[in-house]
Every structure is written in structure tokens, then in C-alpha cells.
Amino acid sequence: MDIPSIDIAPFLDGTNKRSVSNRVAASCQDIGFLVIKGHGLKDPILQNTFDFI
């Protein structure tokens, strides 16, 4: 089973909210998880989050 990788940039910039929402919902329902790309978070922010956990 491949993990879906979804670019959410079109959702964030408003160009394609419905399509991104549908793909996220389908991934959650069908598989239970996904990889999110295009979120705009910088590596230091992500690393601080992982360090905190």
C-alpha cells in the first residue's frame, strides 16, 4: 500500500480547496493517514515540534 502524498498549497492559496479537501478526506477514510506537502512550515519549526514530542 502506498501512502498518499498530498500538496495542500492549492488549498492554502484558495485556488483548489474542494479538490484538496476531497483528496485528504478520501485518504483518511481509505487508508487512515497521508503525507502533507506544500504546508509552508520551515524545517526549524518542524524540528522543534519533533524535539518537543
N, C-alpha and C. Protein backbone atom coordinates (compact mmCIF):
# COMPACT_ATOMS: atom_id res chain seq x y z
N MET A 1 0.85 -1.18 0.00
CA MET A 1 0.00 0.00 0.00
C MET A 1 0.89 1.24 0.00
N ASP A 2 0.62 2.14 -0.91
CA ASP A 2 1.35 3.41 -0.97
C ASP A 2 0.68 4.45 -0.09
N ILE A 3 1.50 5.22 0.58
CA ILE A 3 0.98 6.32 1.40
C ILE A 3 0.73 7.52 0.48
N PRO A 4 -0.49 8.05 0.48
CA PRO A 4 -0.77 9.21 -0.36
C PRO A 4 0.02 10.44 0.10
N SER A 5 0.53 11.18 -0.85
CA SER A 5 1.23 12.42 -0.58
C SER A 5 0.44 13.54 -1.25
N ILE A 6 -0.09 14.45 -0.43
CA ILE A 6 -1.00 15.47 -0.93
C ILE A 6 -0.40 16.86 -0.71
N ASP A 7 -0.36 17.62 -1.79
CA ASP A 7 0.11 19.01 -1.74
C ASP A 7 -1.07 19.89 -1.36
N ILE A 8 -0.99 20.52 -0.19
CA ILE A 8 -2.11 21.35 0.27
C ILE A 8 -1.96 22.83 -0.10
N ALA A 9 -0.91 23.17 -0.85
CA ALA A 9 -0.71 24.57 -1.25
C ALA A 9 -1.92 25.13 -1.99
N PRO A 10 -2.56 24.37 -2.92
CA PRO A 10 -3.74 24.91 -3.59
C PRO A 10 -4.91 25.17 -2.63
N PHE A 11 -4.97 24.44 -1.54
CA PHE A 11 -5.98 24.71 -0.52
C PHE A 11 -5.65 26.02 0.20
N LEU A 12 -4.39 26.15 0.60
CA LEU A 12 -3.98 27.32 1.37
C LEU A 12 -4.07 28.62 0.58
N ASP A 13 -3.79 28.55 -0.73
CA ASP A 13 -3.87 29.78 -1.52
C ASP A 13 -5.25 30.00 -2.13
N GLY A 14 -6.17 29.07 -1.90
CA GLY A 14 -7.55 29.23 -2.33
C GLY A 14 -7.85 28.85 -3.76
N THR A 15 -6.87 28.32 -4.48
CA THR A 15 -7.10 28.00 -5.89
C THR A 15 -7.84 26.69 -6.12
N ASN A 16 -7.79 25.78 -5.14
CA ASN A 16 -8.44 24.49 -5.35
C ASN A 16 -8.78 23.82 -4.02
N LYS A 17 -9.55 24.50 -3.22
CA LYS A 17 -9.88 23.99 -1.89
C LYS A 17 -10.67 22.69 -1.93
N ARG A 18 -11.65 22.61 -2.82
CA ARG A 18 -12.52 21.44 -2.86
C ARG A 18 -11.75 20.17 -3.22
N SER A 19 -10.91 20.25 -4.23
CA SER A 19 -10.15 19.08 -4.67
C SER A 19 -9.21 18.57 -3.58
N VAL A 20 -8.49 19.50 -2.96
CA VAL A 20 -7.57 19.11 -1.89
C VAL A 20 -8.35 18.51 -0.72
N SER A 21 -9.45 19.13 -0.35
CA SER A 21 -10.28 18.61 0.74
C SER A 21 -10.78 17.20 0.44
N ASN A 22 -11.20 16.98 -0.78
CA ASN A 22 -11.69 15.66 -1.17
C ASN A 22 -10.58 14.61 -1.11
N ARG A 23 -9.39 14.98 -1.55
CA ARG A 23 -8.27 14.03 -1.51
C ARG A 23 -7.85 13.71 -0.07
N VAL A 24 -7.83 14.72 0.79
CA VAL A 24 -7.49 14.49 2.20
C VAL A 24 -8.54 13.59 2.84
N ALA A 25 -9.81 13.89 2.62
CA ALA A 25 -10.88 13.08 3.20
C ALA A 25 -10.81 11.64 2.72
N ALA A 26 -10.60 11.45 1.43
CA ALA A 26 -10.52 10.09 0.88
C ALA A 26 -9.33 9.34 1.46
N SER A 27 -8.20 10.00 1.61
CA SER A 27 -7.02 9.35 2.18
C SER A 27 -7.27 8.93 3.62
N CYS A 28 -7.89 9.80 4.38
CA CYS A 28 -8.19 9.48 5.78
C CYS A 28 -9.19 8.34 5.89
N GLN A 29 -10.19 8.33 5.04
CA GLN A 29 -11.21 7.28 5.08
C GLN A 29 -10.67 5.95 4.57
N ASP A 30 -9.91 5.99 3.48
CA ASP A 30 -9.47 4.76 2.83
C ASP A 30 -8.25 4.13 3.50
N ILE A 31 -7.30 4.96 3.94
CA ILE A 31 -6.04 4.45 4.44
C ILE A 31 -5.82 4.80 5.91
N GLY A 32 -6.25 5.99 6.30
CA GLY A 32 -6.12 6.41 7.69
C GLY A 32 -5.01 7.42 7.93
N PHE A 33 -4.21 7.68 6.93
CA PHE A 33 -3.16 8.68 7.09
C PHE A 33 -2.66 9.12 5.72
N LEU A 34 -1.82 10.17 5.71
CA LEU A 34 -1.29 10.73 4.48
C LEU A 34 -0.06 11.56 4.79
N VAL A 35 0.69 11.89 3.76
CA VAL A 35 1.82 12.81 3.87
C VAL A 35 1.36 14.14 3.31
N ILE A 36 1.60 15.21 4.06
CA ILE A 36 1.17 16.54 3.62
C ILE A 36 2.39 17.31 3.12
N LYS A 37 2.28 17.78 1.88
CA LYS A 37 3.32 18.62 1.28
C LYS A 37 2.73 20.01 1.03
N GLY A 38 3.59 20.97 0.80
CA GLY A 38 3.14 22.31 0.46
C GLY A 38 2.52 23.08 1.61
N HIS A 39 2.85 22.69 2.84
CA HIS A 39 2.26 23.32 4.02
C HIS A 39 2.92 24.64 4.37
N GLY A 40 4.14 24.87 3.88
CA GLY A 40 4.82 26.13 4.12
C GLY A 40 5.57 26.23 5.44
N LEU A 41 5.54 25.17 6.25
CA LEU A 41 6.29 25.20 7.51
C LEU A 41 7.77 24.97 7.23
N LYS A 42 8.60 25.76 7.84
CA LYS A 42 10.04 25.65 7.64
C LYS A 42 10.61 24.53 8.52
N ASP A 43 11.73 23.96 8.08
CA ASP A 43 12.35 22.85 8.79
C ASP A 43 12.61 23.11 10.27
N PRO A 44 13.10 24.29 10.67
CA PRO A 44 13.33 24.51 12.11
C PRO A 44 12.04 24.40 12.94
N ILE A 45 10.95 24.85 12.40
CA ILE A 45 9.67 24.74 13.12
C ILE A 45 9.29 23.28 13.29
N LEU A 46 9.42 22.52 12.22
CA LEU A 46 9.10 21.09 12.29
C LEU A 46 10.03 20.37 13.26
N GLN A 47 11.32 20.69 13.21
CA GLN A 47 12.28 20.04 14.10
C GLN A 47 11.97 20.38 15.56
N ASN A 48 11.64 21.62 15.86
CA ASN A 48 11.28 22.00 17.23
C ASN A 48 10.06 21.23 17.70
N THR A 49 9.12 21.02 16.81
CA THR A 49 7.92 20.25 17.17
C THR A 49 8.29 18.81 17.50
N PHE A 50 9.10 18.19 16.66
CA PHE A 50 9.52 16.81 16.91
C PHE A 50 10.35 16.71 18.19
N ASP A 51 11.21 17.69 18.43
CA ASP A 51 12.01 17.70 19.65
C ASP A 51 11.14 17.80 20.89
N PHE A 52 10.06 18.56 20.81
CA PHE A 52 9.15 18.73 21.94
C PHE A 52 8.42 17.44 22.26
N ILE A 53 8.06 16.72 21.21
CA ILE A 53 7.32 15.46 21.39
C ILE A 53 8.24 14.45 22.01
